[in-house]
Amino acid sequence: MAINQRKAGTILSYIYLFLSNTISIFYTPVYLGMLGQSEYGLMSTAGSLTTYLSLLSMGVGGSYIRFNAQVRASGDKQKEYIVNGMFQTIYFIVSGVTLLVGAVLVFCSSYIFQANYSEHELFEIKMIMLCTILQFVVTFCFNTTAMALQAYEKFLFIRICLLIACVIQPCINIAVLYLGGKAVAISAISLLTSFITFLCYFVFARKNIGLKFVFHGFDKNMLRSIFVFSGFLFLNSITDQLTFSADSIILGIVSGPIILAIYSVGSSFKGYFMSFSTSVSSVFAPQVNKLIAENKDMKYLDEIFIKVGRVQFYIVSLILSGYIFFGKQFIVLWVTSDYEGAYLIGLFLMLAVFVPSFQNVGLEIQKAKNMHKARSVVYFLIAIVNVMITIPMSIWWQGQGAALATLICMFFGTVVFMNIYNYKKVGINIPAFWKSIAKTLPGMIAPIIVGICIINFININSYLTLLWTVLVYCSIYFVSIWFISMDSYEKDLFTKPIKKLFKKFKK
């Protein structure tokens, strides 16, 4: 059943990503048009501060699956309930701290952004921040429940909830905007949607995996281990915020809401890009932790790392190359030429996360083996350097400069350091991985040639032209990698579900 859940979770992840991104294509222009560039900039400004509240979770959520796997391997249900209680207690405390820190941020926001915003805009920023703070509180309170569902590999239910939310929320947002609502109303809707989704998680977890919490008899040694393990995940969180969110604060201070709105559009492509890869690696996290808990040979982890990495490489390479060829035309058609500057921002940020997007199973292996500490420290130091060079580059080249600074720093951390560390210390067969990736490259030649021909000889000035050129490019890409790059295992991933579907129809 677990294997079926992994397959179903992976398939539904891509259905969710396809559906949410398709909705976004039609929804975002309407949304931005009704909301306005300035209001969108206010939401981005508020988010640039409140996003740092995620750090208050201290990386604890990332450690739950590991400790849950350990106690479940022992078969002691009471101990599992105690572990749940320990994590839930931590999150209750975190929620209280979030409210206090959030209140301070709301109070200070007027002084931080007063140079570029009116009094009314500062008031809106405060209201948006309040909704976001409460959303963080809700997320923290239900985080143990969400992580428990992942640990039990209930990916099918999780993805179905996400699918429903991604359809319903844009519809409600458009209705609210049509009735005269603005950024504050949209933030309130997001808060309500999160609460309902997590409530569904809790009810399902109680009935289907027997989720229970015991708030006494805590194991002090395990509690200490949780904080030590989570401490470096916490450092990872700080690093991520410094790397990707500091840009927004810096731009908000030196450039104002319009430039920040353009940067946010470009940055959103990086978010879409990463979601296509992390949705796969997250599904395999429980399996990786189980193999480590059972002391399985490293060759099994190498196999997962290479197999998942190759599939992710096909997907992210299609997205990145498609963006390079069609991204600028898409942005102009999508959100008007006012946002054309977002193209380079999106490209720089997507290049920054390109390699880690098909190597992120390696992080799951590191965490399962409790070897993520060196990564956390090195990435943190690189993130500090990133902030230092982002400030002058933002002043000189605004959003593009901030994104370029991120690309330069990320290359040395995620590509150079991480591959050496995974090979020398963690024991992952990195040379075999890159040899396997290299074997897929000949299949990329034909689509690249077609992409170059399209952008040089076809004037893409309408959605219809964009659509058929993208379909041509994708078709050439799939045919080329199918016959040149893919092995039998990868082909079976696509053909087996289709064959099963046909057999059901025949019956």
Protein backbone atom coordinates (compact mmCIF):
# COMPACT_ATOMS: atom_id res chain seq x y z
CA MET A 1 0.00 0.00 0.00
CA ALA A 2 2.93 2.32 0.80
CA ILE A 3 4.35 1.88 -2.71
CA ASN A 4 0.96 2.66 -4.21
CA GLN A 5 0.77 5.75 -2.03
CA ARG A 6 4.18 6.90 -3.27
CA LYS A 7 3.19 6.40 -6.89
CA ALA A 8 -0.20 8.01 -6.38
CA GLY A 9 1.40 10.85 -4.43
CA THR A 10 3.93 11.50 -7.18
CA ILE A 11 1.31 11.38 -9.95
CA LEU A 12 -1.08 13.62 -8.02
CA SER A 13 1.79 16.00 -7.25
CA TYR A 14 2.30 16.60 -10.94
CA ILE A 15 -1.43 16.79 -11.60
CA TYR A 16 -1.62 19.39 -8.83
CA LEU A 17 1.36 21.31 -10.21
CA PHE A 18 -0.01 21.19 -13.76
CA LEU A 19 -3.47 22.27 -12.63
CA SER A 20 -2.27 25.00 -10.27
CA ASN A 21 0.12 26.41 -12.87
CA THR A 22 -2.52 26.25 -15.61
CA ILE A 23 -4.95 28.08 -13.34
CA SER A 24 -2.21 30.57 -12.53
CA ILE A 25 -1.69 31.34 -16.22
CA PHE A 26 -5.30 32.47 -16.57
CA TYR A 27 -5.78 33.71 -13.03
CA THR A 28 -2.68 35.85 -12.48
CA PRO A 29 -3.31 38.46 -15.22
CA VAL A 30 -6.88 38.92 -14.02
CA TYR A 31 -5.70 38.95 -10.41
CA LEU A 32 -2.96 41.52 -11.04
CA GLY A 33 -5.25 43.63 -13.20
CA MET A 34 -7.97 43.76 -10.54
CA LEU A 35 -5.57 44.09 -7.60
CA GLY A 36 -3.16 46.56 -9.23
CA GLN A 37 0.63 46.66 -9.29
CA SER A 38 0.84 48.86 -6.20
CA GLU A 39 -1.42 46.61 -4.07
CA TYR A 40 0.55 43.56 -5.23
CA GLY A 41 3.71 45.37 -4.21
CA LEU A 42 2.22 45.94 -0.74
CA MET A 43 1.58 42.20 -0.36
CA SER A 44 5.16 41.47 -1.43
CA THR A 45 6.47 44.08 1.01
CA ALA A 46 4.48 42.65 3.93
CA GLY A 47 5.58 39.14 2.98
CA SER A 48 9.24 40.16 2.91
CA LEU A 49 9.06 40.69 6.70
CA THR A 50 6.59 38.05 7.86
CA THR A 51 8.22 35.26 5.88
CA TYR A 52 10.97 35.29 8.49
CA LEU A 53 8.48 34.00 11.06
CA SER A 54 8.87 30.56 9.50
CA LEU A 55 12.29 30.51 11.18
CA LEU A 56 10.57 30.20 14.56
CA SER A 57 9.77 26.56 13.79
CA MET A 58 13.52 26.04 14.34
CA GLY A 59 13.63 23.21 11.80
CA VAL A 60 11.68 20.91 14.13
CA GLY A 61 9.23 19.80 11.43
CA GLY A 62 12.04 18.45 9.27
CA SER A 63 13.11 16.09 12.06
CA TYR A 64 9.69 14.53 12.75
CA ILE A 65 9.83 11.89 10.00
CA ARG A 66 13.24 10.68 11.21
CA PHE A 67 12.22 10.25 14.86
CA ASN A 68 8.81 8.85 13.91
CA ALA A 69 10.56 6.20 11.77
CA GLN A 70 12.76 5.24 14.72
CA VAL A 71 9.92 4.72 17.21
CA ARG A 72 7.71 2.96 14.66
CA ALA A 73 10.57 0.55 13.91
CA SER A 74 10.48 -0.44 17.60
CA GLY A 75 6.70 -1.14 17.38
CA ASP A 76 5.96 0.82 20.58
CA LYS A 77 2.73 2.77 19.90
CA GLN A 78 2.77 4.50 23.29
CA LYS A 79 6.23 5.84 22.56
CA GLU A 80 4.97 7.11 19.20
CA TYR A 81 2.15 8.99 20.95
CA ILE A 82 4.69 10.52 23.35
CA VAL A 83 6.84 11.65 20.41
CA ASN A 84 3.74 13.26 18.89
CA GLY A 85 3.10 15.03 22.19
CA MET A 86 6.68 16.26 22.36
CA PHE A 87 6.52 17.77 18.89
CA GLN A 88 3.06 19.26 19.49
CA THR A 89 4.21 20.88 22.74
CA ILE A 90 7.16 22.44 20.93
CA TYR A 91 4.82 23.82 18.27
CA PHE A 92 2.41 25.26 20.83
CA ILE A 93 5.33 27.18 22.34
CA VAL A 94 6.48 28.25 18.86
CA SER A 95 2.97 29.53 18.09
CA GLY A 96 2.99 31.72 21.18
CA VAL A 97 6.42 33.12 20.32
CA THR A 98 5.20 33.76 16.76
CA LEU A 99 2.39 35.95 18.03
CA LEU A 100 4.80 37.99 20.16
CA VAL A 101 7.45 38.42 17.47
CA GLY A 102 4.76 39.11 14.89
CA ALA A 103 3.36 41.91 17.02
CA VAL A 104 6.82 43.50 17.18
CA LEU A 105 7.21 43.24 13.38
CA VAL A 106 3.81 44.87 12.82
CA PHE A 107 4.77 47.73 15.13
CA CYS A 108 8.19 48.21 13.46
CA SER A 109 6.93 47.98 9.87
CA SER A 110 6.01 51.68 9.79
CA TYR A 111 9.58 52.69 10.62
CA ILE A 112 11.18 50.18 8.22
CA PHE A 113 9.17 51.13 5.13
CA GLN A 114 8.12 54.74 5.85
CA ALA A 115 10.46 56.24 3.21
CA ASN A 116 8.62 54.78 0.20
CA TYR A 117 5.02 54.32 1.42
CA SER A 118 2.06 56.51 2.39
CA GLU A 119 0.27 56.21 5.75
CA HIS A 120 -2.63 54.30 4.18
CA GLU A 121 -0.22 51.87 2.48
CA LEU A 122 1.60 51.33 5.78
CA PHE A 123 -1.75 50.53 7.45
CA GLU A 124 -2.53 47.98 4.72
CA ILE A 125 0.88 46.41 5.18
CA LYS A 126 0.13 45.97 8.89
CA MET A 127 -3.22 44.28 8.20
CA ILE A 128 -1.67 41.94 5.62
CA MET A 129 1.09 41.10 8.09
CA LEU A 130 -1.49 40.33 10.80
CA CYS A 131 -3.28 37.82 8.54
CA THR A 132 0.03 36.21 7.60
CA ILE A 133 1.12 35.97 11.24
CA LEU A 134 -2.10 34.18 12.16
CA GLN A 135 -1.58 31.87 9.19
CA PHE A 136 1.83 30.92 10.55
CA VAL A 137 0.26 30.22 13.96
CA VAL A 138 -2.31 27.91 12.36
CA THR A 139 0.41 26.14 10.37
CA PHE A 140 2.58 25.59 13.45
CA CYS A 141 -0.34 24.27 15.52
CA PHE A 142 -1.19 21.66 12.89
CA ASN A 143 2.35 20.90 11.72
CA THR A 144 2.68 17.67 13.72
CA THR A 145 -0.52 16.40 12.09
CA ALA A 146 0.71 17.23 8.60
CA MET A 147 4.10 15.61 9.21
CA ALA A 148 2.44 12.50 10.68
CA LEU A 149 0.42 12.05 7.48
CA GLN A 150 3.66 12.25 5.48
CA ALA A 151 5.41 9.80 7.80
CA TYR A 152 2.56 7.32 7.25
CA GLU A 153 2.79 8.05 3.50
CA LYS A 154 -0.80 9.27 3.16
CA PHE A 155 0.20 11.24 0.09
CA LEU A 156 -3.06 10.58 -1.75
CA PHE A 157 -5.19 12.47 0.78
CA ILE A 158 -2.68 15.30 1.16
CA ARG A 159 -2.52 15.89 -2.60
CA ILE A 160 -6.31 15.72 -3.00
CA CYS A 161 -6.72 18.44 -0.36
CA LEU A 162 -4.15 20.58 -2.15
CA LEU A 163 -5.91 20.03 -5.48
CA ILE A 164 -9.25 21.17 -4.05
CA ALA A 165 -7.69 24.23 -2.40
CA CYS A 166 -5.85 25.28 -5.58
CA VAL A 167 -9.14 25.34 -7.48
CA ILE A 168 -11.33 26.97 -4.85
CA GLN A 169 -9.04 29.74 -3.56
CA PRO A 170 -8.52 31.58 -6.89
CA CYS A 171 -12.28 31.54 -7.50
CA ILE A 172 -12.95 33.09 -4.09
CA ASN A 173 -10.15 35.64 -4.59
CA ILE A 174 -11.58 36.81 -7.93
CA ALA A 175 -15.06 37.08 -6.38
CA VAL A 176 -13.69 39.15 -3.48
CA LEU A 177 -11.75 41.44 -5.84
CA TYR A 178 -14.86 41.85 -8.01
CA LEU A 179 -16.80 42.97 -4.92
CA GLY A 180 -14.16 45.61 -4.19
CA GLY A 181 -11.78 43.72 -1.90
CA LYS A 182 -8.05 44.40 -2.04
CA ALA A 183 -4.82 42.97 -0.67
CA VAL A 184 -6.06 42.73 2.94
CA ALA A 185 -9.12 40.73 1.91
CA ILE A 186 -7.00 38.35 -0.17
CA SER A 187 -4.72 37.75 2.83
CA ALA A 188 -7.74 36.96 5.01
CA ILE A 189 -9.00 34.44 2.44
CA SER A 190 -5.59 32.73 2.43
CA LEU A 191 -5.72 32.45 6.23
CA LEU A 192 -9.19 30.88 6.14
CA THR A 193 -8.22 28.40 3.42
CA SER A 194 -5.18 27.26 5.41
CA PHE A 195 -7.23 26.72 8.55
CA ILE A 196 -9.87 24.61 6.75
CA THR A 197 -7.19 22.53 4.99
CA PHE A 198 -5.32 21.75 8.21
CA LEU A 199 -8.58 20.95 9.98
CA CYS A 200 -9.30 18.34 7.28
CA TYR A 201 -5.80 16.92 7.85
CA PHE A 202 -6.47 16.59 11.58
CA VAL A 203 -9.83 14.83 11.20
CA PHE A 204 -8.39 12.41 8.61
CA ALA A 205 -5.30 11.68 10.74
CA ARG A 206 -7.41 10.89 13.82
CA LYS A 207 -9.59 8.44 11.90
CA ASN A 208 -7.09 6.82 9.53
CA ILE A 209 -3.71 6.65 11.25
CA GLY A 210 -4.93 6.82 14.84
CA LEU A 211 -3.10 10.07 15.57
CA LYS A 212 -2.83 10.61 19.30
CA PHE A 213 -0.83 12.91 21.58
CA VAL A 214 0.53 12.04 25.01
CA PHE A 215 1.78 15.10 26.88
CA HIS A 216 3.66 13.40 29.73
CA GLY A 217 6.53 10.98 30.14
CA PHE A 218 8.75 12.85 27.68
CA ASP A 219 12.12 11.23 26.94
CA LYS A 220 14.65 13.93 27.85
CA ASN A 221 17.43 12.32 25.82
CA MET A 222 15.23 12.16 22.73
CA LEU A 223 14.07 15.73 23.31
CA ARG A 224 17.71 16.79 23.42
CA SER A 225 18.41 14.83 20.23
CA ILE A 226 15.46 16.48 18.50
CA PHE A 227 16.79 19.96 19.26
CA VAL A 228 20.36 19.08 18.25
CA PHE A 229 19.16 17.52 15.00
CA SER A 230 16.68 20.32 14.34
CA GLY A 231 19.21 23.02 15.19
CA PHE A 232 21.02 22.54 11.92
CA LEU A 233 17.75 22.32 9.99
CA PHE A 234 16.93 25.63 11.68
CA LEU A 235 20.20 26.99 10.31
CA ASN A 236 19.07 25.75 6.87
CA SER A 237 15.86 27.74 7.28
CA ILE A 238 17.79 30.88 8.20
CA THR A 239 19.98 30.31 5.15
CA ASP A 240 16.98 29.94 2.82
CA GLN A 241 15.44 33.12 4.16
CA LEU A 242 18.69 35.05 3.80
CA THR A 243 19.21 33.69 0.29
CA PHE A 244 15.74 34.24 -1.16
CA SER A 245 13.84 36.60 1.14
CA ALA A 246 16.51 39.16 1.99
CA ASP A 247 16.31 40.31 -1.63
CA SER A 248 12.71 41.41 -1.10
CA ILE A 249 13.49 43.41 2.04
CA ILE A 250 16.52 45.07 0.43
CA LEU A 251 14.56 45.94 -2.72
CA GLY A 252 11.60 47.11 -0.62
CA ILE A 253 13.87 49.54 1.20
CA VAL A 254 15.95 50.85 -1.73
CA SER A 255 13.47 50.64 -4.61
CA GLY A 256 9.82 50.64 -3.43
CA PRO A 257 6.72 48.59 -4.29
CA ILE A 258 6.86 48.70 -8.13
CA ILE A 259 10.34 47.19 -8.46
CA LEU A 260 9.47 44.70 -5.72
CA ALA A 261 6.33 43.67 -7.60
CA ILE A 262 8.43 42.98 -10.72
CA TYR A 263 10.94 41.00 -8.64
CA SER A 264 8.10 38.99 -7.06
CA VAL A 265 6.77 37.98 -10.50
CA GLY A 266 10.25 36.80 -11.54
CA SER A 267 10.80 35.05 -8.23
CA SER A 268 7.49 33.18 -8.60
CA PHE A 269 8.97 31.24 -11.53
CA LYS A 270 11.69 29.95 -9.23
CA GLY A 271 8.96 28.80 -6.85
CA TYR A 272 7.11 26.94 -9.60
CA PHE A 273 10.40 25.44 -10.76
CA MET A 274 11.37 24.08 -7.34
CA SER A 275 7.92 22.71 -6.63
CA PHE A 276 8.19 20.33 -9.58
CA SER A 277 11.23 18.64 -8.06
CA THR A 278 10.57 18.80 -4.31
CA SER A 279 7.13 17.22 -4.79
CA VAL A 280 8.95 14.04 -5.86
CA SER A 281 11.76 14.04 -3.27
CA SER A 282 9.32 14.63 -0.38
CA VAL A 283 7.42 11.49 -1.36
CA PHE A 284 10.62 9.43 -0.98
CA ALA A 285 11.66 10.94 2.39
CA PRO A 286 9.88 8.28 4.52
CA GLN A 287 11.42 5.47 2.43
CA VAL A 288 14.92 6.95 2.79
CA ASN A 289 14.50 7.24 6.58
CA LYS A 290 13.20 3.68 6.76
CA LEU A 291 16.23 2.33 4.86
CA ILE A 292 18.58 4.22 7.19
CA ALA A 293 16.71 3.02 10.30
CA GLU A 294 17.01 -0.58 9.06
CA ASN A 295 20.76 -0.13 8.32
CA LYS A 296 20.39 -1.00 4.65
CA ASP A 297 23.42 -0.95 2.36
CA MET A 298 24.33 2.41 0.78
CA LYS A 299 23.77 0.98 -2.70
CA TYR A 300 19.99 1.13 -2.13
CA LEU A 301 20.22 4.86 -1.35
CA ASP A 302 22.46 5.42 -4.39
CA GLU A 303 19.84 3.72 -6.54
CA ILE A 304 17.08 6.03 -5.25
CA PHE A 305 19.32 9.08 -5.63
CA ILE A 306 20.15 8.29 -9.26
CA LYS A 307 16.70 7.09 -10.34
CA VAL A 308 14.80 9.99 -8.81
CA GLY A 309 17.48 12.46 -9.90
CA ARG A 310 17.24 11.42 -13.55
CA VAL A 311 13.45 11.77 -13.59
CA GLN A 312 13.71 15.18 -11.92
CA PHE A 313 16.40 16.20 -14.43
CA TYR A 314 14.09 15.48 -17.38
CA ILE A 315 11.35 17.60 -15.83
CA VAL A 316 13.39 20.60 -14.67
CA SER A 317 15.42 20.66 -17.90
CA LEU A 318 12.19 20.91 -19.90
CA ILE A 319 10.94 23.74 -17.68
CA LEU A 320 14.24 25.66 -17.68
CA SER A 321 14.85 25.34 -21.43
CA GLY A 322 11.21 26.21 -22.16
CA TYR A 323 11.52 29.31 -19.98
CA ILE A 324 14.73 30.35 -21.76
CA PHE A 325 13.03 30.12 -25.17
CA PHE A 326 9.51 31.32 -24.35
CA GLY A 327 9.69 33.02 -20.94
CA LYS A 328 10.02 36.63 -22.08
CA GLN A 329 7.15 36.36 -24.59
CA PHE A 330 5.02 34.61 -21.97
CA ILE A 331 5.59 37.33 -19.35
CA VAL A 332 4.69 40.12 -21.79
CA LEU A 333 1.48 38.34 -22.82
CA TRP A 334 0.74 37.22 -19.27
CA VAL A 335 1.21 40.36 -17.16
CA THR A 336 2.01 43.03 -19.80
CA SER A 337 5.35 44.57 -20.80
CA ASP A 338 5.46 46.45 -17.46
CA TYR A 339 6.86 43.22 -15.98
CA GLU A 340 9.31 42.38 -18.78
CA GLY A 341 12.21 42.90 -16.38
CA ALA A 342 10.98 39.84 -14.47
CA TYR A 343 12.35 37.56 -17.21
CA LEU A 344 16.02 37.85 -16.25
CA ILE A 345 15.14 37.72 -12.55
CA GLY A 346 13.29 34.46 -13.08
CA LEU A 347 16.10 33.04 -15.23
CA PHE A 348 18.85 33.87 -12.71
CA LEU A 349 16.88 32.40 -9.80
CA MET A 350 15.94 29.25 -11.74
CA LEU A 351 19.60 28.71 -12.70
CA ALA A 352 20.51 29.20 -9.03
CA VAL A 353 18.38 26.22 -7.99
CA PHE A 354 18.75 24.10 -11.14
CA VAL A 355 21.28 21.53 -9.86
CA PRO A 356 19.80 21.15 -6.35
CA SER A 357 16.38 20.68 -7.97
CA PHE A 358 17.43 17.24 -9.22
CA GLN A 359 19.75 16.38 -6.31
CA ASN A 360 17.40 17.11 -3.40
CA VAL A 361 17.03 13.43 -2.45
CA GLY A 362 20.62 13.86 -1.26
CA LEU A 363 19.40 16.22 1.46
CA GLU A 364 16.87 13.60 2.61
CA ILE A 365 19.74 11.08 2.84
CA GLN A 366 21.85 13.57 4.81
CA LYS A 367 19.04 14.23 7.27
CA ALA A 368 18.28 10.52 7.69
CA LYS A 369 21.97 9.86 8.44
CA ASN A 370 22.19 12.98 10.67
CA MET A 371 24.95 14.37 8.42
CA HIS A 372 23.33 17.66 7.42
CA LYS A 373 25.33 19.80 9.86
CA ALA A 374 28.24 20.75 7.57
CA ARG A 375 25.81 21.68 4.79
CA SER A 376 23.94 23.97 7.16
CA VAL A 377 27.07 25.81 8.31
CA VAL A 378 28.58 26.28 4.83
CA TYR A 379 25.28 27.37 3.29
CA PHE A 380 24.77 29.87 6.11
CA LEU A 381 28.18 31.46 5.52
CA ILE A 382 27.49 31.67 1.78
CA ALA A 383 24.07 33.24 2.50
CA ILE A 384 25.73 35.98 4.55
CA VAL A 385 28.06 36.72 1.63
CA ASN A 386 24.98 36.75 -0.61
CA VAL A 387 23.32 39.46 1.50
CA MET A 388 26.52 41.52 1.52
CA ILE A 389 26.83 41.57 -2.28
CA THR A 390 23.06 41.85 -2.86
CA ILE A 391 22.91 45.34 -1.30
CA PRO A 392 25.23 47.07 -3.81
CA MET A 393 24.01 44.96 -6.74
CA SER A 394 20.39 45.89 -5.91
CA ILE A 395 21.31 49.56 -5.92
CA TRP A 396 23.13 49.25 -9.25
CA TRP A 397 20.85 46.85 -11.15
CA GLN A 398 17.71 46.60 -8.95
CA GLY A 399 15.91 43.24 -9.15
CA GLN A 400 18.23 41.72 -11.75
CA GLY A 401 21.23 42.55 -9.59
CA ALA A 402 19.70 40.90 -6.52
CA ALA A 403 18.90 37.74 -8.48
CA LEU A 404 22.38 37.61 -10.05
CA ALA A 405 23.98 37.84 -6.60
CA THR A 406 21.91 34.83 -5.52
CA LEU A 407 22.96 32.85 -8.61
CA ILE A 408 26.68 33.46 -8.01
CA CYS A 409 26.56 32.47 -4.35
CA MET A 410 24.29 29.46 -4.86
CA PHE A 411 26.63 28.00 -7.49
CA PHE A 412 29.51 27.71 -5.01
CA GLY A 413 27.28 26.23 -2.31
CA THR A 414 24.81 23.92 -4.02
CA VAL A 415 27.00 22.75 -6.90
CA VAL A 416 30.66 22.87 -5.88
CA PHE A 417 30.50 22.23 -2.12
CA MET A 418 27.46 19.96 -2.03
CA ASN A 419 28.67 17.48 -4.63
CA ILE A 420 32.08 17.17 -2.95
CA TYR A 421 30.48 16.73 0.49
CA ASN A 422 27.91 14.17 -0.65
CA TYR A 423 30.66 12.13 -2.28
CA LYS A 424 33.45 12.38 0.28
CA LYS A 425 31.49 12.41 3.55
CA VAL A 426 27.92 11.16 3.03
CA GLY A 427 29.04 8.33 0.75
CA ILE A 428 26.70 8.97 -2.19
CA ASN A 429 28.16 7.82 -5.50
CA ILE A 430 28.27 11.26 -7.12
CA PRO A 431 30.48 10.24 -10.09
CA ALA A 432 27.97 7.51 -11.01
CA PHE A 433 25.16 10.07 -10.70
CA TRP A 434 26.78 12.56 -13.08
CA LYS A 435 27.71 9.81 -15.53
CA SER A 436 24.05 8.77 -15.52
CA ILE A 437 22.94 12.38 -16.09
CA ALA A 438 25.50 12.76 -18.91
CA LYS A 439 23.94 9.81 -20.74
CA THR A 440 20.66 11.76 -20.97
CA LEU A 441 22.20 14.85 -22.61
CA PRO A 442 22.17 13.66 -26.27
CA GLY A 443 18.37 13.65 -26.05
CA MET A 444 18.43 17.40 -25.31
CA ILE A 445 20.14 18.37 -28.59
CA ALA A 446 17.12 18.16 -30.93
CA PRO A 447 14.73 20.22 -28.74
CA ILE A 448 17.39 22.91 -28.21
CA ILE A 449 17.87 23.25 -31.99
CA VAL A 450 14.07 23.46 -32.45
CA GLY A 451 13.82 26.09 -29.68
CA ILE A 452 16.52 28.25 -31.28
CA CYS A 453 14.76 28.03 -34.67
CA ILE A 454 11.38 28.99 -33.15
CA ILE A 455 12.57 32.13 -31.36
CA ASN A 456 14.57 33.28 -34.42
CA PHE A 457 11.99 32.69 -37.14
CA ILE A 458 8.55 32.93 -35.44
CA ASN A 459 7.03 36.11 -34.01
CA ILE A 460 5.24 35.06 -30.82
CA ASN A 461 2.74 37.87 -30.29
CA SER A 462 -0.39 36.02 -29.15
CA TYR A 463 -1.40 33.25 -26.76
CA LEU A 464 -2.35 31.03 -29.71
CA THR A 465 1.10 31.33 -31.29
CA LEU A 466 2.74 30.81 -27.90
CA LEU A 467 0.61 27.73 -27.26
CA TRP A 468 1.37 25.91 -30.50
CA THR A 469 5.09 26.72 -30.41
CA VAL A 470 5.34 25.47 -26.81
CA LEU A 471 3.44 22.30 -27.77
CA VAL A 472 5.80 21.72 -30.69
CA TYR A 473 8.81 22.22 -28.43
CA CYS A 474 7.45 19.90 -25.72
CA SER A 475 6.57 17.22 -28.29
CA ILE A 476 10.08 17.27 -29.77
CA TYR A 477 11.52 17.17 -26.24
CA PHE A 478 9.47 14.14 -25.16
CA VAL A 479 10.11 12.20 -28.38
CA SER A 480 13.82 12.94 -28.26
CA ILE A 481 14.41 11.91 -24.63
CA TRP A 482 12.11 8.86 -25.04
CA PHE A 483 14.17 7.37 -27.86
CA ILE A 484 17.61 8.69 -26.91
CA SER A 485 17.79 9.33 -23.14
CA MET A 486 15.31 7.21 -21.18
CA ASP A 487 16.06 3.72 -19.86
CA SER A 488 13.50 0.93 -19.47
CA TYR A 489 12.70 1.85 -15.84
CA GLU A 490 11.87 5.44 -16.77
CA LYS A 491 9.74 4.37 -19.72
CA ASP A 492 7.82 1.98 -17.46
CA LEU A 493 7.00 4.89 -15.14
CA PHE A 494 4.96 6.38 -18.00
CA THR A 495 3.68 3.27 -19.78
CA LYS A 496 2.59 1.09 -16.83
CA PRO A 497 -0.12 3.50 -15.53
CA ILE A 498 -1.44 3.92 -19.09
CA LYS A 499 -1.52 0.14 -19.65
CA LYS A 500 -3.36 -0.37 -16.37
CA LEU A 501 -5.87 2.31 -17.34
CA PHE A 502 -6.53 0.63 -20.69
CA LYS A 503 -7.01 -2.76 -18.99
CA LYS A 504 -9.61 -1.25 -16.66
CA PHE A 505 -11.48 0.27 -19.60
CA LYS A 506 -11.47 -3.09 -21.41
CA LYS A 507 -12.96 -4.79 -18.37
